[in-house]
N, C-alpha and C. Protein backbone atom coordinates (compact mmCIF):
# COMPACT_ATOMS: atom_id res chain seq x y z
N MET A 1 27.22 -74.35 190.74
CA MET A 1 26.29 -73.30 190.38
C MET A 1 26.58 -72.74 188.94
N ARG A 2 27.90 -72.66 188.68
CA ARG A 2 28.35 -72.29 187.36
C ARG A 2 27.71 -73.24 186.33
N ASN A 3 27.85 -74.52 186.53
CA ASN A 3 27.31 -75.46 185.68
C ASN A 3 25.88 -75.24 185.43
N ARG A 4 25.12 -75.00 186.52
CA ARG A 4 23.65 -74.84 186.32
C ARG A 4 23.36 -73.60 185.42
N TRP A 5 24.11 -72.50 185.58
CA TRP A 5 23.90 -71.34 184.76
C TRP A 5 24.30 -71.62 183.37
N VAL A 6 25.33 -72.40 183.10
CA VAL A 6 25.72 -72.80 181.71
C VAL A 6 24.60 -73.54 181.07
N LEU A 7 24.06 -74.48 181.82
CA LEU A 7 22.93 -75.26 181.25
C LEU A 7 21.67 -74.35 180.97
N GLU A 8 21.42 -73.39 181.92
CA GLU A 8 20.30 -72.57 181.70
C GLU A 8 20.56 -71.67 180.42
N GLY A 9 21.77 -71.22 180.16
CA GLY A 9 22.08 -70.56 178.98
C GLY A 9 21.86 -71.36 177.74
N LEU A 10 22.17 -72.67 177.72
CA LEU A 10 21.86 -73.52 176.65
C LEU A 10 20.43 -73.58 176.44
N ARG A 11 19.56 -73.70 177.50
CA ARG A 11 18.20 -73.75 177.35
C ARG A 11 17.54 -72.52 176.74
N ARG A 12 18.09 -71.35 177.14
CA ARG A 12 17.53 -70.10 176.64
C ARG A 12 17.91 -69.89 175.18
N MET A 13 18.97 -70.42 174.81
CA MET A 13 19.44 -70.25 173.40
C MET A 13 18.74 -71.24 172.42
N ASP A 14 17.94 -72.19 173.03
CA ASP A 14 17.08 -73.01 172.28
C ASP A 14 17.84 -73.84 171.21
N TYR A 15 18.83 -74.54 171.64
CA TYR A 15 19.53 -75.44 170.77
C TYR A 15 18.63 -76.59 170.28
N ALA A 16 18.97 -77.07 169.06
CA ALA A 16 18.15 -78.12 168.45
C ALA A 16 18.64 -79.44 168.99
N ALA A 17 19.94 -79.54 169.28
CA ALA A 17 20.48 -80.85 169.87
C ALA A 17 21.83 -80.48 170.57
N ILE A 18 22.14 -81.14 171.66
CA ILE A 18 23.42 -80.93 172.38
C ILE A 18 23.97 -82.34 172.63
N ASN A 19 25.18 -82.50 172.04
CA ASN A 19 25.93 -83.75 172.30
C ASN A 19 26.63 -83.86 173.61
N ILE A 20 26.53 -85.06 174.21
CA ILE A 20 27.21 -85.20 175.47
C ILE A 20 28.63 -85.60 175.11
N GLY A 21 29.62 -84.76 175.61
CA GLY A 21 31.01 -84.97 175.33
C GLY A 21 31.74 -85.30 176.55
N GLU A 22 33.05 -85.37 176.31
CA GLU A 22 33.97 -85.93 177.36
C GLU A 22 33.98 -85.00 178.59
N LEU A 23 33.92 -83.73 178.43
CA LEU A 23 34.00 -82.81 179.60
C LEU A 23 32.80 -82.91 180.53
N GLU A 24 31.63 -83.43 180.02
CA GLU A 24 30.49 -83.63 180.78
C GLU A 24 30.60 -84.78 181.74
N VAL A 25 31.49 -85.74 181.51
CA VAL A 25 31.48 -86.96 182.19
C VAL A 25 32.81 -87.36 182.85
N ILE A 26 33.77 -86.33 182.97
CA ILE A 26 35.02 -86.61 183.69
C ILE A 26 34.76 -86.69 185.17
N GLU A 27 35.23 -87.64 185.88
CA GLU A 27 34.81 -88.00 187.14
C GLU A 27 35.11 -86.88 188.12
N GLU A 28 36.21 -86.17 187.95
CA GLU A 28 36.48 -85.19 189.07
C GLU A 28 35.75 -83.86 188.94
N THR A 29 34.86 -83.73 187.92
CA THR A 29 33.88 -82.64 187.88
C THR A 29 32.51 -83.07 188.33
N ASP A 30 31.67 -82.10 188.56
CA ASP A 30 30.27 -82.45 188.99
C ASP A 30 29.29 -82.22 187.90
N ARG A 31 29.82 -82.04 186.69
CA ARG A 31 28.95 -81.75 185.52
C ARG A 31 27.89 -82.87 185.31
N TRP A 32 28.38 -84.08 185.45
CA TRP A 32 27.52 -85.28 185.16
C TRP A 32 26.23 -85.21 186.08
N ASN A 33 26.45 -84.90 187.40
CA ASN A 33 25.24 -84.84 188.22
C ASN A 33 24.40 -83.60 187.79
N GLU A 34 24.99 -82.57 187.32
CA GLU A 34 24.22 -81.36 186.96
C GLU A 34 23.35 -81.61 185.72
N LEU A 35 23.81 -82.52 184.88
CA LEU A 35 23.02 -82.84 183.65
C LEU A 35 21.64 -83.37 183.96
N GLY A 36 21.61 -84.09 185.09
CA GLY A 36 20.28 -84.71 185.50
C GLY A 36 19.26 -83.64 185.86
N ARG A 37 19.72 -82.51 186.29
CA ARG A 37 18.82 -81.38 186.61
C ARG A 37 18.39 -80.59 185.42
N ALA A 38 18.95 -80.94 184.22
CA ALA A 38 18.63 -80.23 183.01
C ALA A 38 18.19 -81.22 182.04
N SER A 39 17.45 -82.28 182.44
CA SER A 39 17.02 -83.41 181.55
C SER A 39 16.10 -82.88 180.45
N ASN A 40 15.54 -81.76 180.56
CA ASN A 40 14.61 -81.26 179.57
C ASN A 40 15.45 -80.63 178.33
N LEU A 41 16.70 -80.56 178.41
CA LEU A 41 17.46 -80.15 177.25
C LEU A 41 17.61 -81.19 176.26
N PRO A 42 17.73 -80.94 174.92
CA PRO A 42 17.77 -81.90 173.88
C PRO A 42 19.15 -82.65 173.76
N TRP A 43 19.43 -83.49 174.76
CA TRP A 43 20.67 -84.17 174.74
C TRP A 43 20.67 -85.32 173.67
N VAL A 44 21.68 -85.53 172.97
CA VAL A 44 21.88 -86.58 172.06
C VAL A 44 23.25 -87.34 172.29
N SER A 45 23.18 -88.64 172.33
CA SER A 45 24.44 -89.38 172.24
C SER A 45 24.13 -90.82 171.95
N ALA A 46 24.70 -91.26 170.81
CA ALA A 46 24.32 -92.64 170.35
C ALA A 46 25.31 -93.71 171.01
N ASN A 47 26.43 -93.27 171.46
CA ASN A 47 27.42 -94.28 172.03
C ASN A 47 27.82 -94.06 173.46
N ALA A 48 27.08 -93.27 174.22
CA ALA A 48 27.36 -93.08 175.63
C ALA A 48 26.63 -94.15 176.41
N GLY A 49 27.42 -94.81 177.25
CA GLY A 49 26.90 -95.98 178.07
C GLY A 49 26.14 -95.40 179.30
N ILE A 50 24.96 -95.00 179.17
CA ILE A 50 24.22 -94.34 180.37
C ILE A 50 23.84 -95.36 181.32
N PRO A 51 24.12 -95.22 182.58
CA PRO A 51 23.81 -96.23 183.60
C PRO A 51 22.27 -96.27 183.72
N ALA A 52 21.80 -97.50 184.08
CA ALA A 52 20.40 -97.68 184.35
C ALA A 52 19.91 -96.83 185.49
N GLY A 53 18.75 -96.24 185.35
CA GLY A 53 18.17 -95.36 186.34
C GLY A 53 18.77 -93.98 186.42
N SER A 54 19.63 -93.66 185.52
CA SER A 54 20.28 -92.22 185.49
C SER A 54 19.15 -91.29 185.06
N ASP A 55 19.32 -90.06 185.67
CA ASP A 55 18.39 -89.01 185.26
C ASP A 55 18.66 -88.41 183.82
N VAL A 56 19.90 -88.75 183.42
CA VAL A 56 20.30 -88.28 182.07
C VAL A 56 20.02 -89.46 181.10
N GLN A 57 19.06 -89.20 180.23
CA GLN A 57 18.67 -90.29 179.21
C GLN A 57 18.63 -89.57 177.81
N PRO A 58 19.85 -89.46 177.23
CA PRO A 58 19.84 -88.81 175.81
C PRO A 58 19.21 -89.70 174.78
N SER A 59 18.73 -89.11 173.73
CA SER A 59 18.34 -89.90 172.61
C SER A 59 19.57 -90.06 171.68
N PRO A 60 19.63 -91.23 171.06
CA PRO A 60 20.75 -91.39 170.14
C PRO A 60 20.82 -90.36 169.06
N TYR A 61 19.63 -89.95 168.60
CA TYR A 61 19.59 -88.89 167.57
C TYR A 61 18.25 -88.12 167.66
N LEU A 62 18.07 -87.02 167.14
CA LEU A 62 16.81 -86.31 166.97
C LEU A 62 16.59 -85.92 165.57
N ILE A 63 15.35 -85.78 165.19
CA ILE A 63 14.90 -85.33 163.84
C ILE A 63 14.29 -83.95 164.00
N ARG A 64 14.80 -83.01 163.24
CA ARG A 64 14.23 -81.63 163.18
C ARG A 64 13.74 -81.38 161.77
N GLU A 65 12.58 -80.95 161.62
CA GLU A 65 12.02 -80.60 160.25
C GLU A 65 12.20 -79.02 160.10
N LEU A 66 12.84 -78.71 158.90
CA LEU A 66 13.06 -77.37 158.60
C LEU A 66 12.46 -77.03 157.18
N GLU A 67 12.34 -75.83 156.88
CA GLU A 67 11.85 -75.36 155.53
C GLU A 67 13.01 -74.64 154.86
N THR A 68 13.24 -74.97 153.65
CA THR A 68 14.32 -74.33 152.94
C THR A 68 13.78 -73.03 152.35
N ALA A 69 14.78 -72.22 151.79
CA ALA A 69 14.34 -70.99 151.28
C ALA A 69 13.35 -71.03 150.10
N LYS A 70 13.28 -72.18 149.42
CA LYS A 70 12.33 -72.36 148.34
C LYS A 70 11.11 -73.07 148.83
N GLY A 71 10.94 -73.23 150.14
CA GLY A 71 9.74 -73.77 150.64
C GLY A 71 9.65 -75.33 150.73
N ARG A 72 10.82 -75.96 150.53
CA ARG A 72 10.82 -77.39 150.56
C ARG A 72 11.01 -77.83 152.05
N ARG A 73 10.23 -78.86 152.54
CA ARG A 73 10.37 -79.38 153.84
C ARG A 73 11.63 -80.33 153.90
N LEU A 74 12.43 -80.13 154.93
CA LEU A 74 13.69 -80.88 155.11
C LEU A 74 13.70 -81.55 156.39
N ARG A 75 13.89 -82.89 156.48
CA ARG A 75 14.00 -83.62 157.74
C ARG A 75 15.48 -83.78 157.97
N VAL A 76 15.96 -83.12 159.06
CA VAL A 76 17.48 -83.18 159.49
C VAL A 76 17.58 -84.06 160.62
N GLY A 77 18.44 -85.07 160.47
CA GLY A 77 18.84 -86.01 161.54
C GLY A 77 20.06 -85.47 162.28
N LEU A 78 20.07 -85.46 163.57
CA LEU A 78 21.23 -84.93 164.38
C LEU A 78 21.63 -86.10 165.30
N LEU A 79 22.76 -86.78 165.00
CA LEU A 79 23.28 -87.92 165.65
C LEU A 79 24.47 -87.55 166.55
N GLY A 80 24.53 -87.91 167.79
CA GLY A 80 25.64 -87.61 168.66
C GLY A 80 26.65 -88.67 168.82
N LEU A 81 27.97 -88.41 168.67
CA LEU A 81 28.95 -89.33 168.91
C LEU A 81 30.15 -88.70 169.65
N THR A 82 30.87 -89.53 170.48
CA THR A 82 31.97 -89.01 171.20
C THR A 82 33.11 -90.07 171.21
N ALA A 83 34.34 -89.62 170.96
CA ALA A 83 35.50 -90.52 171.09
C ALA A 83 36.46 -89.81 172.07
N PRO A 84 36.26 -90.16 173.44
CA PRO A 84 36.95 -89.49 174.46
C PRO A 84 38.53 -89.85 174.47
N THR A 85 39.29 -88.97 174.99
CA THR A 85 40.63 -89.19 175.19
C THR A 85 41.10 -89.51 176.58
N SER A 86 40.25 -89.16 177.54
CA SER A 86 40.48 -89.34 178.98
C SER A 86 40.03 -90.72 179.36
N ASP A 87 40.75 -91.31 180.36
CA ASP A 87 40.32 -92.59 180.89
C ASP A 87 39.69 -92.43 182.32
N ARG A 88 39.43 -91.15 182.69
CA ARG A 88 38.87 -90.94 183.99
C ARG A 88 37.36 -90.38 183.83
N LEU A 89 36.59 -91.27 183.21
CA LEU A 89 35.16 -90.90 182.86
C LEU A 89 34.19 -91.61 183.78
N ALA A 90 33.09 -91.02 184.03
CA ALA A 90 32.04 -91.53 184.90
C ALA A 90 31.28 -92.60 184.14
N ILE A 91 31.32 -92.61 182.79
CA ILE A 91 30.63 -93.65 182.02
C ILE A 91 31.50 -93.97 180.92
N GLU A 92 31.17 -95.06 180.09
CA GLU A 92 31.94 -95.54 179.04
C GLU A 92 31.34 -95.18 177.69
N PHE A 93 32.04 -95.10 176.68
CA PHE A 93 31.57 -94.74 175.35
C PHE A 93 31.88 -95.86 174.49
N ARG A 94 30.94 -96.42 173.70
CA ARG A 94 31.19 -97.47 172.65
C ARG A 94 31.92 -96.91 171.55
N ASP A 95 32.41 -97.82 170.65
CA ASP A 95 33.18 -97.33 169.47
C ASP A 95 32.29 -96.46 168.57
N PRO A 96 32.65 -95.26 168.30
CA PRO A 96 31.71 -94.36 167.53
C PRO A 96 31.46 -94.84 166.09
N SER A 97 32.42 -95.43 165.44
CA SER A 97 32.22 -95.91 164.04
C SER A 97 31.22 -97.05 164.02
N ALA A 98 31.40 -98.00 164.87
CA ALA A 98 30.41 -99.12 164.89
C ALA A 98 29.04 -98.72 165.29
N THR A 99 29.01 -97.73 166.16
CA THR A 99 27.64 -97.18 166.57
C THR A 99 26.99 -96.44 165.53
N ALA A 100 27.79 -95.62 164.75
CA ALA A 100 27.23 -94.87 163.67
C ALA A 100 26.76 -95.81 162.55
N ARG A 101 27.46 -96.83 162.33
CA ARG A 101 27.07 -97.86 161.35
C ARG A 101 25.67 -98.45 161.70
N GLU A 102 25.39 -98.65 163.00
CA GLU A 102 24.14 -99.23 163.44
C GLU A 102 22.91 -98.34 163.12
N TYR A 103 23.10 -97.01 163.20
CA TYR A 103 22.06 -96.11 163.03
C TYR A 103 21.82 -95.56 161.64
N VAL A 104 22.85 -95.74 160.78
CA VAL A 104 22.73 -95.06 159.41
C VAL A 104 21.54 -95.64 158.68
N ALA A 105 21.44 -96.91 158.72
CA ALA A 105 20.28 -97.57 157.90
C ALA A 105 18.97 -97.12 158.51
N GLN A 106 18.83 -97.05 159.71
CA GLN A 106 17.59 -96.52 160.34
C GLN A 106 17.30 -95.07 160.02
N LEU A 107 18.32 -94.26 160.06
CA LEU A 107 18.16 -92.84 159.73
C LEU A 107 17.88 -92.56 158.23
N ALA A 108 18.34 -93.40 157.38
CA ALA A 108 18.09 -93.22 155.98
C ALA A 108 16.58 -93.04 155.57
N GLY A 109 15.73 -93.78 156.32
CA GLY A 109 14.35 -93.67 156.05
C GLY A 109 13.64 -92.58 156.82
N GLU A 110 14.37 -91.94 157.78
CA GLU A 110 13.77 -90.91 158.66
C GLU A 110 14.19 -89.42 158.39
N CYS A 111 15.35 -89.35 157.63
CA CYS A 111 15.77 -87.95 157.42
C CYS A 111 16.30 -87.81 155.99
N ASP A 112 16.28 -86.59 155.55
CA ASP A 112 16.85 -86.23 154.25
C ASP A 112 18.24 -85.77 154.30
N LEU A 113 18.73 -85.30 155.53
CA LEU A 113 20.00 -84.78 155.72
C LEU A 113 20.52 -85.27 157.04
N LEU A 114 21.75 -85.96 157.03
CA LEU A 114 22.29 -86.48 158.28
C LEU A 114 23.50 -85.58 158.73
N ILE A 115 23.27 -85.07 159.95
CA ILE A 115 24.42 -84.30 160.49
C ILE A 115 24.80 -85.05 161.83
N VAL A 116 26.17 -85.27 161.99
CA VAL A 116 26.72 -85.87 163.10
C VAL A 116 27.34 -84.81 163.98
N LEU A 117 27.04 -84.73 165.25
CA LEU A 117 27.70 -83.97 166.24
C LEU A 117 28.69 -84.76 166.89
N ALA A 118 29.97 -84.45 166.76
CA ALA A 118 31.01 -85.42 167.22
C ALA A 118 32.10 -84.72 168.02
N GLN A 119 32.28 -85.24 169.13
CA GLN A 119 33.57 -84.81 169.91
C GLN A 119 34.65 -85.84 169.63
N MET A 120 35.58 -85.46 168.73
CA MET A 120 36.76 -86.30 168.38
C MET A 120 37.71 -85.58 167.57
N SER A 121 38.78 -86.11 167.40
CA SER A 121 39.91 -85.42 166.68
C SER A 121 39.54 -85.32 165.21
N LEU A 122 40.18 -84.46 164.55
CA LEU A 122 39.88 -84.31 163.09
C LEU A 122 40.25 -85.56 162.34
N SER A 123 41.33 -86.17 162.67
CA SER A 123 41.75 -87.44 162.03
C SER A 123 40.68 -88.53 162.16
N ASP A 124 40.11 -88.68 163.45
CA ASP A 124 39.04 -89.62 163.71
C ASP A 124 37.78 -89.22 162.90
N ALA A 125 37.51 -87.94 162.77
CA ALA A 125 36.36 -87.49 161.97
C ALA A 125 36.49 -87.87 160.53
N GLN A 126 37.80 -87.63 160.02
CA GLN A 126 37.96 -88.02 158.58
C GLN A 126 37.86 -89.54 158.34
N GLU A 127 38.31 -90.30 159.34
CA GLU A 127 38.19 -91.76 159.23
C GLU A 127 36.74 -92.23 159.27
N LEU A 128 35.93 -91.51 160.19
CA LEU A 128 34.53 -91.83 160.32
C LEU A 128 33.79 -91.52 158.95
N ALA A 129 34.15 -90.41 158.41
CA ALA A 129 33.47 -90.05 157.06
C ALA A 129 33.83 -90.97 156.02
N LYS A 130 35.02 -91.54 155.99
CA LYS A 130 35.34 -92.54 154.97
C LYS A 130 34.60 -93.84 155.15
N LEU A 131 34.48 -94.26 156.41
CA LEU A 131 33.75 -95.45 156.78
C LEU A 131 32.19 -95.38 156.58
N ILE A 132 31.64 -94.08 156.88
CA ILE A 132 30.25 -93.91 156.80
C ILE A 132 29.88 -92.80 155.86
N PRO A 133 30.00 -93.05 154.53
CA PRO A 133 29.78 -91.89 153.54
C PRO A 133 28.38 -91.38 153.52
N GLN A 134 27.41 -91.94 154.23
CA GLN A 134 26.03 -91.39 154.33
C GLN A 134 25.94 -90.20 155.16
N ILE A 135 26.99 -89.89 155.94
CA ILE A 135 27.04 -88.61 156.71
C ILE A 135 27.14 -87.51 155.79
N ASP A 136 26.20 -86.54 155.83
CA ASP A 136 26.31 -85.33 154.98
C ASP A 136 27.20 -84.26 155.60
N VAL A 137 27.00 -83.95 156.87
CA VAL A 137 27.75 -82.95 157.62
C VAL A 137 28.25 -83.50 158.92
N LEU A 138 29.51 -83.20 159.26
CA LEU A 138 30.00 -83.58 160.54
C LEU A 138 30.50 -82.26 161.19
N ILE A 139 29.87 -81.87 162.34
CA ILE A 139 30.24 -80.82 163.11
C ILE A 139 31.05 -81.24 164.25
N GLY A 140 32.40 -81.04 164.29
CA GLY A 140 33.29 -81.62 165.33
C GLY A 140 33.67 -80.59 166.38
N ALA A 141 34.16 -81.22 167.47
CA ALA A 141 34.65 -80.43 168.63
C ALA A 141 35.86 -81.08 169.09
N ALA A 142 36.98 -80.35 169.17
CA ALA A 142 38.28 -80.82 169.78
C ALA A 142 38.97 -79.64 170.20
N ASN A 143 39.61 -79.69 171.37
CA ASN A 143 40.24 -78.46 171.97
C ASN A 143 41.32 -77.91 171.03
N ASP A 144 42.06 -78.72 170.27
CA ASP A 144 43.12 -78.17 169.46
C ASP A 144 42.76 -78.00 167.96
N THR A 145 41.51 -78.08 167.68
CA THR A 145 41.13 -78.00 166.22
C THR A 145 39.96 -76.96 165.97
N HIS A 146 40.34 -75.91 165.21
CA HIS A 146 39.36 -74.87 164.79
C HIS A 146 39.61 -74.52 163.36
N LEU A 147 38.67 -75.00 162.56
CA LEU A 147 38.89 -74.73 161.10
C LEU A 147 38.27 -73.46 160.65
N ALA A 148 39.07 -72.67 159.93
CA ALA A 148 38.62 -71.42 159.28
C ALA A 148 37.54 -71.68 158.26
N LYS A 149 37.60 -72.89 157.60
CA LYS A 149 36.64 -73.19 156.65
C LYS A 149 36.58 -74.78 156.65
N PRO A 150 35.41 -75.34 156.27
CA PRO A 150 35.15 -76.75 156.33
C PRO A 150 36.12 -77.47 155.21
N ILE A 151 36.32 -78.76 155.42
CA ILE A 151 36.97 -79.60 154.48
C ILE A 151 35.95 -80.69 154.08
N MET A 152 36.16 -81.23 152.86
CA MET A 152 35.42 -82.30 152.29
C MET A 152 36.23 -83.60 152.44
N GLU A 153 35.51 -84.58 152.91
CA GLU A 153 36.14 -85.98 153.07
C GLU A 153 35.12 -86.87 152.40
N GLY A 154 35.40 -87.19 151.09
CA GLY A 154 34.45 -88.00 150.41
C GLY A 154 33.14 -87.18 150.21
N ASN A 155 32.01 -87.73 150.68
CA ASN A 155 30.64 -87.12 150.62
C ASN A 155 30.48 -86.12 151.79
N THR A 156 31.35 -86.13 152.79
CA THR A 156 31.00 -85.52 153.98
C THR A 156 31.73 -84.16 154.15
N LEU A 157 30.89 -83.10 154.53
CA LEU A 157 31.41 -81.79 154.83
C LEU A 157 31.77 -81.82 156.42
N ILE A 158 33.09 -81.50 156.74
CA ILE A 158 33.47 -81.53 158.08
C ILE A 158 33.90 -80.09 158.55
N GLY A 159 33.31 -79.67 159.70
CA GLY A 159 33.63 -78.35 160.19
C GLY A 159 33.89 -78.41 161.68
N TYR A 160 34.88 -77.63 162.12
CA TYR A 160 35.18 -77.51 163.54
C TYR A 160 35.05 -76.04 163.95
N PRO A 161 33.94 -75.59 164.50
CA PRO A 161 33.72 -74.25 164.85
C PRO A 161 34.67 -73.73 166.02
N TYR A 162 34.67 -72.45 166.15
CA TYR A 162 35.50 -71.86 167.26
C TYR A 162 34.95 -72.20 168.57
N PRO A 163 35.69 -72.43 169.56
CA PRO A 163 35.19 -72.88 170.97
C PRO A 163 34.67 -71.77 171.84
N GLN A 164 33.84 -72.13 172.76
CA GLN A 164 33.40 -71.14 173.77
C GLN A 164 32.79 -69.85 173.29
N GLY A 165 32.04 -69.97 172.12
CA GLY A 165 31.39 -68.87 171.65
C GLY A 165 32.19 -67.74 171.11
N MET A 166 33.48 -68.02 170.84
CA MET A 166 34.35 -66.92 170.35
C MET A 166 34.06 -66.52 168.91
N GLY A 167 33.36 -67.47 168.22
CA GLY A 167 33.06 -67.15 166.80
C GLY A 167 31.73 -67.88 166.40
N LEU A 168 31.00 -67.21 165.55
CA LEU A 168 29.71 -67.83 165.15
C LEU A 168 29.89 -68.46 163.77
N GLY A 169 29.72 -69.80 163.69
CA GLY A 169 29.79 -70.43 162.48
C GLY A 169 28.56 -70.37 161.70
N ASP A 170 28.59 -69.92 160.44
CA ASP A 170 27.44 -69.77 159.62
C ASP A 170 27.60 -70.69 158.40
N LEU A 171 26.90 -71.84 158.36
CA LEU A 171 26.95 -72.77 157.20
C LEU A 171 25.55 -72.81 156.50
N ARG A 172 25.71 -72.58 155.17
CA ARG A 172 24.46 -72.62 154.42
C ARG A 172 24.60 -73.63 153.28
N LEU A 173 23.68 -74.52 153.18
CA LEU A 173 23.74 -75.54 152.22
C LEU A 173 22.74 -75.31 151.11
N PHE A 174 23.15 -75.57 149.85
CA PHE A 174 22.24 -75.47 148.69
C PHE A 174 22.08 -76.82 148.07
N PHE A 175 20.80 -77.18 147.74
CA PHE A 175 20.45 -78.51 147.35
C PHE A 175 20.20 -78.52 145.74
N ASP A 176 20.47 -79.68 145.22
CA ASP A 176 20.15 -79.98 143.83
C ASP A 176 18.79 -80.41 143.71
N GLN A 177 18.31 -80.73 142.44
CA GLN A 177 16.99 -81.13 142.15
C GLN A 177 16.49 -82.45 142.88
N ASN A 178 17.54 -83.21 143.23
CA ASN A 178 17.22 -84.49 143.91
C ASN A 178 17.18 -84.34 145.45
N GLY A 179 17.33 -83.10 145.83
CA GLY A 179 17.21 -82.79 147.26
C GLY A 179 18.57 -83.11 148.08
N ARG A 180 19.63 -83.23 147.39
CA ARG A 180 20.96 -83.59 147.94
C ARG A 180 21.72 -82.33 148.04
N PRO A 181 22.64 -82.09 149.06
CA PRO A 181 23.51 -80.88 149.08
C PRO A 181 24.46 -80.95 147.91
N ALA A 182 24.37 -79.81 147.25
CA ALA A 182 25.19 -79.66 146.01
C ALA A 182 26.44 -78.69 146.21
N ARG A 183 26.14 -77.63 146.99
CA ARG A 183 27.26 -76.71 147.33
C ARG A 183 26.96 -76.05 148.64
N PHE A 184 27.98 -75.31 149.23
CA PHE A 184 27.76 -74.73 150.51
C PHE A 184 28.51 -73.39 150.59
N PHE A 185 28.08 -72.62 151.49
CA PHE A 185 28.67 -71.37 151.90
C PHE A 185 28.97 -71.37 153.34
N TYR A 186 30.22 -71.02 153.84
CA TYR A 186 30.58 -71.07 155.20
C TYR A 186 31.38 -69.84 155.56
N ARG A 187 31.21 -69.29 156.80
CA ARG A 187 31.99 -68.26 157.24
C ARG A 187 31.99 -68.33 158.77
N VAL A 188 33.06 -67.81 159.31
CA VAL A 188 33.11 -67.68 160.80
C VAL A 188 33.04 -66.18 161.12
N VAL A 189 32.13 -65.85 161.89
CA VAL A 189 31.78 -64.37 162.28
C VAL A 189 32.48 -64.23 163.67
N PRO A 190 33.65 -63.44 163.90
CA PRO A 190 34.14 -63.26 165.15
C PRO A 190 33.25 -62.46 166.01
N LEU A 191 32.98 -62.91 167.25
CA LEU A 191 32.20 -62.11 168.14
C LEU A 191 33.10 -61.22 168.99
N ALA A 192 33.46 -60.14 168.36
CA ALA A 192 34.38 -59.21 169.01
C ALA A 192 33.81 -58.34 170.06
N ALA A 193 34.66 -57.81 171.02
CA ALA A 193 34.20 -57.06 172.12
C ALA A 193 33.50 -55.78 171.66
N GLN A 194 33.70 -55.35 170.39
CA GLN A 194 33.15 -54.12 169.88
C GLN A 194 31.69 -54.29 169.66
N LEU A 195 31.21 -55.48 169.47
CA LEU A 195 29.76 -55.77 169.22
C LEU A 195 28.95 -55.56 170.46
N ALA A 196 27.90 -54.94 170.33
CA ALA A 196 27.01 -54.72 171.50
C ALA A 196 26.34 -56.03 171.93
N ASP A 197 26.34 -56.26 173.21
CA ASP A 197 25.59 -57.50 173.73
C ASP A 197 24.18 -57.38 173.65
N HIS A 198 23.43 -58.47 173.49
CA HIS A 198 21.94 -58.45 173.45
C HIS A 198 21.46 -58.17 174.80
N PRO A 199 20.46 -57.32 174.96
CA PRO A 199 19.97 -56.92 176.29
C PRO A 199 19.58 -58.10 177.16
N ASP A 200 18.97 -59.10 176.45
CA ASP A 200 18.57 -60.32 177.25
C ASP A 200 19.82 -61.02 177.84
N PHE A 201 20.90 -61.05 177.04
CA PHE A 201 22.07 -61.73 177.51
C PHE A 201 22.69 -60.93 178.67
N VAL A 202 22.68 -59.61 178.59
CA VAL A 202 23.24 -58.76 179.63
C VAL A 202 22.60 -59.04 181.01
N GLU A 203 21.23 -59.14 180.88
CA GLU A 203 20.38 -59.44 182.09
C GLU A 203 20.69 -60.85 182.62
N PHE A 204 20.81 -61.76 181.73
CA PHE A 204 21.18 -63.06 182.04
C PHE A 204 22.55 -63.20 182.82
N GLN A 205 23.49 -62.53 182.23
CA GLN A 205 24.88 -62.43 182.87
C GLN A 205 24.80 -61.86 184.21
N ARG A 206 24.06 -60.77 184.32
CA ARG A 206 23.93 -60.08 185.64
C ARG A 206 23.37 -61.06 186.71
N GLU A 207 22.29 -61.78 186.40
CA GLU A 207 21.65 -62.72 187.28
C GLU A 207 22.63 -63.78 187.69
N ALA A 208 23.37 -64.32 186.75
CA ALA A 208 24.23 -65.39 186.99
C ALA A 208 25.49 -64.94 187.91
N GLU A 209 26.00 -63.91 187.54
CA GLU A 209 27.18 -63.28 188.35
C GLU A 209 26.77 -62.96 189.77
N ALA A 210 25.58 -62.49 189.88
CA ALA A 210 25.06 -62.08 191.24
C ALA A 210 24.91 -63.31 192.13
N GLU A 211 24.30 -64.34 191.52
CA GLU A 211 24.17 -65.60 192.36
C GLU A 211 25.40 -66.24 192.66
N ILE A 212 26.33 -66.39 191.78
CA ILE A 212 27.65 -67.01 191.93
C ILE A 212 28.45 -66.25 192.99
N SER A 213 28.41 -64.83 192.90
CA SER A 213 29.18 -64.03 193.91
C SER A 213 28.54 -64.29 195.24
N GLU A 214 27.24 -64.39 195.39
CA GLU A 214 26.59 -64.57 196.70
C GLU A 214 26.97 -65.94 197.20
N ALA A 215 27.18 -66.94 196.31
CA ALA A 215 27.50 -68.24 196.81
C ALA A 215 28.97 -68.28 197.28
N LYS A 216 29.74 -67.46 196.79
CA LYS A 216 31.18 -67.40 197.18
C LYS A 216 31.31 -66.63 198.60
N SER A 217 30.39 -65.83 198.86
CA SER A 217 30.52 -64.99 200.10
C SER A 217 30.55 -65.93 201.34
N PRO A 218 31.40 -65.53 202.35
CA PRO A 218 31.37 -66.38 203.57
C PRO A 218 30.11 -66.26 204.37
């Protein structure tokens, strides 16, 4: 039930893309089964070995069209990759570097900006950026890595936001005359307890806690 409410929270926050990571497919959890009940969410994963007939069918990538502050239309590609560390997974993941290389040429004609959502270590992310310089931005996730500011690896801007909603990452890109990222601004906004919660979230939390408490009752 907790999983279901987490997924409902993601739906209400209207994410553009959600990468399938290691925690979603560890065998001893039931998250994998829950994903099938939320198949309407924008799952992405280019290297997840999804079993035939599964309710979970992520796209390798998604394209989102945005408008810049100066009115320019920008096609943003969001590619999902995972390099798991556990060997107790319900599915297998193909090599992320080889998989990324497969899609880069295809994405070059479909998007102006390529963002990789990656669950992997920082060292793996840096190696991926060296191998695939076409990646503009890599947003990573790893339990032991939270960068206060992004780092540059060749052409790629690499950032690791704070986990579990403890901080809001604000990344702003500025483009040159050729439409390429020329500079950026980044900050982490701590979501301290002193900040007032949004009324919609308060109601959402109340509904979730009430249903979970009722399920725990004998």
